[in-house]
Amino acid sequence: MRKLIFLIPFLIISFEGFAQPRPPSVPVPLDGGVVALLLAGAAYGSKKIFKNNQNEI
């Protein structure tokens, strides 16, 4: 049983090695909403850090 537990992952990996490659995926641009969310999160985080630093003084 113990040999079987170690053998199964190696068999799965070897089958993956012989599989055909995936077709190339279309890249998704990070424009518009995602960039705006990242900027808003950075601004909110910096505001929280600034307020916490002011409260400590």
PDB file of N, CA and C in Angstrom:
ATOM      1  N   MET A   1       0.823  -1.188   0.000  1.00  0.00           N
ATOM      2  CA  MET A   1       0.000   0.000   0.000  1.00  0.00           C
ATOM      3  C   MET A   1       0.866   1.251   0.000  1.00  0.00           C
ATOM      4  N   ARG A   2       1.954   1.215   0.758  1.00  0.00           N
ATOM      5  CA  ARG A   2       2.826   2.383   0.843  1.00  0.00           C
ATOM      6  C   ARG A   2       3.490   2.671  -0.501  1.00  0.00           C
ATOM      7  N   LYS A   3       3.870   1.612  -1.230  1.00  0.00           N
ATOM      8  CA  LYS A   3       4.475   1.796  -2.542  1.00  0.00           C
ATOM      9  C   LYS A   3       3.478   2.410  -3.510  1.00  0.00           C
ATOM     10  N   LEU A   4       2.218   2.031  -3.379  1.00  0.00           N
ATOM     11  CA  LEU A   4       1.181   2.546  -4.262  1.00  0.00           C
ATOM     12  C   LEU A   4       0.977   4.043  -4.041  1.00  0.00           C
ATOM     13  N   ILE A   5       1.059   4.488  -2.796  1.00  0.00           N
ATOM     14  CA  ILE A   5       0.893   5.906  -2.488  1.00  0.00           C
ATOM     15  C   ILE A   5       2.000   6.732  -3.140  1.00  0.00           C
ATOM     16  N   PHE A   6       3.214   6.210  -3.191  1.00  0.00           N
ATOM     17  CA  PHE A   6       4.317   6.924  -3.819  1.00  0.00           C
ATOM     18  C   PHE A   6       4.325   6.757  -5.332  1.00  0.00           C
ATOM     19  N   LEU A   7       3.754   5.689  -5.843  1.00  0.00           N
ATOM     20  CA  LEU A   7       3.776   5.406  -7.272  1.00  0.00           C
ATOM     21  C   LEU A   7       2.757   6.245  -8.041  1.00  0.00           C
ATOM     22  N   ILE A   8       1.597   6.477  -7.471  1.00  0.00           N
ATOM     23  CA  ILE A   8       0.523   7.188  -8.179  1.00  0.00           C
ATOM     24  C   ILE A   8       0.936   8.610  -8.576  1.00  0.00           C
ATOM     25  N   PRO A   9       1.519   9.421  -7.692  1.00  0.00           N
ATOM     26  CA  PRO A   9       1.921  10.773  -8.139  1.00  0.00           C
ATOM     27  C   PRO A   9       2.941  10.751  -9.278  1.00  0.00           C
ATOM     28  N   PHE A  10       3.862   9.809  -9.255  1.00  0.00           N
ATOM     29  CA  PHE A  10       4.853   9.739 -10.325  1.00  0.00           C
ATOM     30  C   PHE A  10       4.212   9.322 -11.647  1.00  0.00           C
ATOM     31  N   LEU A  11       3.216   8.468 -11.603  1.00  0.00           N
ATOM     32  CA  LEU A  11       2.502   8.099 -12.826  1.00  0.00           C
ATOM     33  C   LEU A  11       1.734   9.290 -13.381  1.00  0.00           C
ATOM     34  N   ILE A  12       1.099  10.052 -12.519  1.00  0.00           N
ATOM     35  CA  ILE A  12       0.346  11.229 -12.971  1.00  0.00           C
ATOM     36  C   ILE A  12       1.295  12.249 -13.596  1.00  0.00           C
ATOM     37  N   ILE A  13       2.457  12.452 -12.984  1.00  0.00           N
ATOM     38  CA  ILE A  13       3.426  13.404 -13.516  1.00  0.00           C
ATOM     39  C   ILE A  13       3.940  12.935 -14.872  1.00  0.00           C
ATOM     40  N   SER A  14       4.174  11.648 -15.032  1.00  0.00           N
ATOM     41  CA  SER A  14       4.683  11.159 -16.303  1.00  0.00           C
ATOM     42  C   SER A  14       3.628  11.300 -17.397  1.00  0.00           C
ATOM     43  N   PHE A  15       2.351  11.112 -17.091  1.00  0.00           N
ATOM     44  CA  PHE A  15       1.312  11.308 -18.100  1.00  0.00           C
ATOM     45  C   PHE A  15       1.228  12.774 -18.498  1.00  0.00           C
ATOM     46  N   GLU A  16       1.424  13.667 -17.553  1.00  0.00           N
ATOM     47  CA  GLU A  16       1.408  15.093 -17.863  1.00  0.00           C
ATOM     48  C   GLU A  16       2.576  15.452 -18.773  1.00  0.00           C
ATOM     49  N   GLY A  17       3.672  14.762 -18.636  1.00  0.00           N
ATOM     50  CA  GLY A  17       4.830  15.032 -19.480  1.00  0.00           C
ATOM     51  C   GLY A  17       4.586  14.671 -20.927  1.00  0.00           C
ATOM     52  N   PHE A  18       3.743  13.693 -21.200  1.00  0.00           N
ATOM     53  CA  PHE A  18       3.455  13.276 -22.560  1.00  0.00           C
ATOM     54  C   PHE A  18       2.220  13.973 -23.137  1.00  0.00           C
ATOM     55  N   ALA A  19       1.564  14.805 -22.361  1.00  0.00           N
ATOM     56  CA  ALA A  19       0.363  15.485 -22.838  1.00  0.00           C
ATOM     57  C   ALA A  19       0.735  16.563 -23.851  1.00  0.00           C
ATOM     58  N   GLN A  20      -0.209  16.893 -24.705  1.00  0.00           N
ATOM     59  CA  GLN A  20       0.026  17.943 -25.690  1.00  0.00           C
ATOM     60  C   GLN A  20       0.009  19.296 -24.991  1.00  0.00           C
ATOM     61  N   PRO A  21       0.806  20.227 -25.490  1.00  0.00           N
ATOM     62  CA  PRO A  21       0.829  21.542 -24.856  1.00  0.00           C
ATOM     63  C   PRO A  21      -0.483  22.287 -25.085  1.00  0.00           C
ATOM     64  N   ARG A  22      -0.803  23.170 -24.162  1.00  0.00           N
ATOM     65  CA  ARG A  22      -2.013  23.981 -24.286  1.00  0.00           C
ATOM     66  C   ARG A  22      -1.829  25.025 -25.372  1.00  0.00           C
ATOM     67  N   PRO A  23      -2.901  25.416 -26.025  1.00  0.00           N
ATOM     68  CA  PRO A  23      -2.766  26.512 -26.985  1.00  0.00           C
ATOM     69  C   PRO A  23      -2.447  27.805 -26.240  1.00  0.00           C
ATOM     70  N   PRO A  24      -1.725  28.707 -26.887  1.00  0.00           N
ATOM     71  CA  PRO A  24      -1.371  29.949 -26.182  1.00  0.00           C
ATOM     72  C   PRO A  24      -2.621  30.735 -25.815  1.00  0.00           C
ATOM     73  N   SER A  25      -2.628  31.233 -24.600  1.00  0.00           N
ATOM     74  CA  SER A  25      -3.779  31.993 -24.131  1.00  0.00           C
ATOM     75  C   SER A  25      -3.634  33.456 -24.544  1.00  0.00           C
ATOM     76  N   VAL A  26      -4.741  34.107 -24.646  1.00  0.00           N
ATOM     77  CA  VAL A  26      -4.746  35.517 -25.003  1.00  0.00           C
ATOM     78  C   VAL A  26      -4.427  36.322 -23.746  1.00  0.00           C
ATOM     79  N   PRO A  27      -3.407  37.175 -23.784  1.00  0.00           N
ATOM     80  CA  PRO A  27      -3.077  37.955 -22.583  1.00  0.00           C
ATOM     81  C   PRO A  27      -4.172  38.961 -22.271  1.00  0.00           C
ATOM     82  N   VAL A  28      -4.422  39.138 -20.993  1.00  0.00           N
ATOM     83  CA  VAL A  28      -5.444  40.074 -20.539  1.00  0.00           C
ATOM     84  C   VAL A  28      -4.755  41.352 -20.073  1.00  0.00           C
ATOM     85  N   PRO A  29      -5.068  42.478 -20.699  1.00  0.00           N
ATOM     86  CA  PRO A  29      -4.416  43.726 -20.275  1.00  0.00           C
ATOM     87  C   PRO A  29      -4.957  44.199 -18.923  1.00  0.00           C
ATOM     88  N   LEU A  30      -4.092  44.771 -18.132  1.00  0.00           N
ATOM     89  CA  LEU A  30      -4.496  45.307 -16.830  1.00  0.00           C
ATOM     90  C   LEU A  30      -4.782  46.797 -16.986  1.00  0.00           C
ATOM     91  N   ASP A  31      -5.847  47.102 -17.671  1.00  0.00           N
ATOM     92  CA  ASP A  31      -6.213  48.499 -17.894  1.00  0.00           C
ATOM     93  C   ASP A  31      -7.538  48.795 -17.228  1.00  0.00           C
ATOM     94  N   GLY A  32      -7.785  50.057 -17.034  1.00  0.00           N
ATOM     95  CA  GLY A  32      -9.094  50.491 -16.584  1.00  0.00           C
ATOM     96  C   GLY A  32      -9.374  50.163 -15.142  1.00  0.00           C
ATOM     97  N   GLY A  33     -10.323  49.243 -14.909  1.00  0.00           N
ATOM     98  CA  GLY A  33     -10.840  48.977 -13.574  1.00  0.00           C
ATOM     99  C   GLY A  33      -9.823  48.408 -12.614  1.00  0.00           C
ATOM    100  N   VAL A  34      -8.974  47.502 -13.088  1.00  0.00           N
ATOM    101  CA  VAL A  34      -8.010  46.861 -12.183  1.00  0.00           C
ATOM    102  C   VAL A  34      -6.986  47.880 -11.691  1.00  0.00           C
ATOM    103  N   VAL A  35      -6.507  48.714 -12.594  1.00  0.00           N
ATOM    104  CA  VAL A  35      -5.526  49.727 -12.208  1.00  0.00           C
ATOM    105  C   VAL A  35      -6.165  50.727 -11.246  1.00  0.00           C
ATOM    106  N   ALA A  36      -7.418  51.108 -11.508  1.00  0.00           N
ATOM    107  CA  ALA A  36      -8.110  52.043 -10.618  1.00  0.00           C
ATOM    108  C   ALA A  36      -8.281  51.432  -9.234  1.00  0.00           C
ATOM    109  N   LEU A  37      -8.621  50.153  -9.161  1.00  0.00           N
ATOM    110  CA  LEU A  37      -8.764  49.489  -7.858  1.00  0.00           C
ATOM    111  C   LEU A  37      -7.428  49.422  -7.123  1.00  0.00           C
ATOM    112  N   LEU A  38      -6.350  49.139  -7.838  1.00  0.00           N
ATOM    113  CA  LEU A  38      -5.036  49.100  -7.202  1.00  0.00           C
ATOM    114  C   LEU A  38      -4.640  50.469  -6.657  1.00  0.00           C
ATOM    115  N   LEU A  39      -4.893  51.511  -7.439  1.00  0.00           N
ATOM    116  CA  LEU A  39      -4.563  52.864  -6.975  1.00  0.00           C
ATOM    117  C   LEU A  39      -5.421  53.265  -5.786  1.00  0.00           C
ATOM    118  N   ALA A  40      -6.712  52.925  -5.834  1.00  0.00           N
ATOM    119  CA  ALA A  40      -7.595  53.257  -4.716  1.00  0.00           C
ATOM    120  C   ALA A  40      -7.162  52.508  -3.455  1.00  0.00           C
ATOM    121  N   GLY A  41      -6.772  51.253  -3.587  1.00  0.00           N
ATOM    122  CA  GLY A  41      -6.303  50.480  -2.437  1.00  0.00           C
ATOM    123  C   GLY A  41      -5.017  51.050  -1.870  1.00  0.00           C
ATOM    124  N   ALA A  42      -4.107  51.467  -2.746  1.00  0.00           N
ATOM    125  CA  ALA A  42      -2.853  52.065  -2.269  1.00  0.00           C
ATOM    126  C   ALA A  42      -3.116  53.384  -1.553  1.00  0.00           C
ATOM    127  N   ALA A  43      -4.037  54.190  -2.085  1.00  0.00           N
ATOM    128  CA  ALA A  43      -4.359  55.466  -1.448  1.00  0.00           C
ATOM    129  C   ALA A  43      -5.015  55.244  -0.094  1.00  0.00           C
ATOM    130  N   TYR A  44      -5.943  54.296  -0.019  1.00  0.00           N
ATOM    131  CA  TYR A  44      -6.628  54.009   1.246  1.00  0.00           C
ATOM    132  C   TYR A  44      -5.639  53.470   2.282  1.00  0.00           C
ATOM    133  N   GLY A  45      -4.755  52.586   1.864  1.00  0.00           N
ATOM    134  CA  GLY A  45      -3.762  52.038   2.783  1.00  0.00           C
ATOM    135  C   GLY A  45      -2.800  53.097   3.291  1.00  0.00           C
ATOM    136  N   SER A  46      -2.372  53.992   2.401  1.00  0.00           N
ATOM    137  CA  SER A  46      -1.463  55.051   2.857  1.00  0.00           C
ATOM    138  C   SER A  46      -2.174  56.012   3.795  1.00  0.00           C
ATOM    139  N   LYS A  47      -3.465  56.268   3.559  1.00  0.00           N
ATOM    140  CA  LYS A  47      -4.237  57.135   4.467  1.00  0.00           C
ATOM    141  C   LYS A  47      -4.338  56.498   5.852  1.00  0.00           C
ATOM    142  N   LYS A  48      -4.611  55.173   5.899  1.00  0.00           N
ATOM    143  CA  LYS A  48      -4.705  54.478   7.193  1.00  0.00           C
ATOM    144  C   LYS A  48      -3.364  54.500   7.926  1.00  0.00           C
ATOM    145  N   ILE A  49      -2.281  54.280   7.223  1.00  0.00           N
ATOM    146  CA  ILE A  49      -0.957  54.289   7.841  1.00  0.00           C
ATOM    147  C   ILE A  49      -0.644  55.686   8.367  1.00  0.00           C
ATOM    148  N   PHE A  50      -0.964  56.720   7.579  1.00  0.00           N
ATOM    149  CA  PHE A  50      -0.711  58.099   7.998  1.00  0.00           C
ATOM    150  C   PHE A  50      -1.501  58.436   9.261  1.00  0.00           C
ATOM    151  N   LYS A  51      -2.780  58.037   9.312  1.00  0.00           N
ATOM    152  CA  LYS A  51      -3.599  58.324  10.502  1.00  0.00           C
ATOM    153  C   LYS A  51      -3.088  57.563  11.725  1.00  0.00           C
ATOM    154  N   ASN A  52      -2.682  56.300  11.537  1.00  0.00           N
ATOM    155  CA  ASN A  52      -2.154  55.519  12.666  1.00  0.00           C
ATOM    156  C   ASN A  52      -0.865  56.128  13.200  1.00  0.00           C
ATOM    157  N   ASN A  53      -0.040  56.647  12.320  1.00  0.00           N
ATOM    158  CA  ASN A  53       1.212  57.282  12.762  1.00  0.00           C
ATOM    159  C   ASN A  53       0.922  58.581  13.511  1.00  0.00           C
ATOM    160  N   GLN A  54      -0.096  59.312  13.098  1.00  0.00           N
ATOM    161  CA  GLN A  54      -0.447  60.547  13.795  1.00  0.00           C
ATOM    162  C   GLN A  54      -1.005  60.248  15.176  1.00  0.00           C
ATOM    163  N   ASN A  55      -1.756  59.178  15.335  1.00  0.00           N
ATOM    164  CA  ASN A  55      -2.347  58.830  16.624  1.00  0.00           C
ATOM    165  C   ASN A  55      -1.293  58.378  17.634  1.00  0.00           C
ATOM    166  N   GLU A  56      -0.168  57.833  17.149  1.00  0.00           N
ATOM    167  CA  GLU A  56       0.887  57.353  18.043  1.00  0.00           C
ATOM    168  C   GLU A  56       1.691  58.492  18.629  1.00  0.00           C
ATOM    169  N   ILE A  57       1.739  59.621  17.954  1.00  0.00           N
ATOM    170  CA  ILE A  57       2.568  60.752  18.401  1.00  0.00           C
ATOM    171  C   ILE A  57       1.910  61.503  19.520  1.00  0.00           C
TER     172      ILE A  57
END
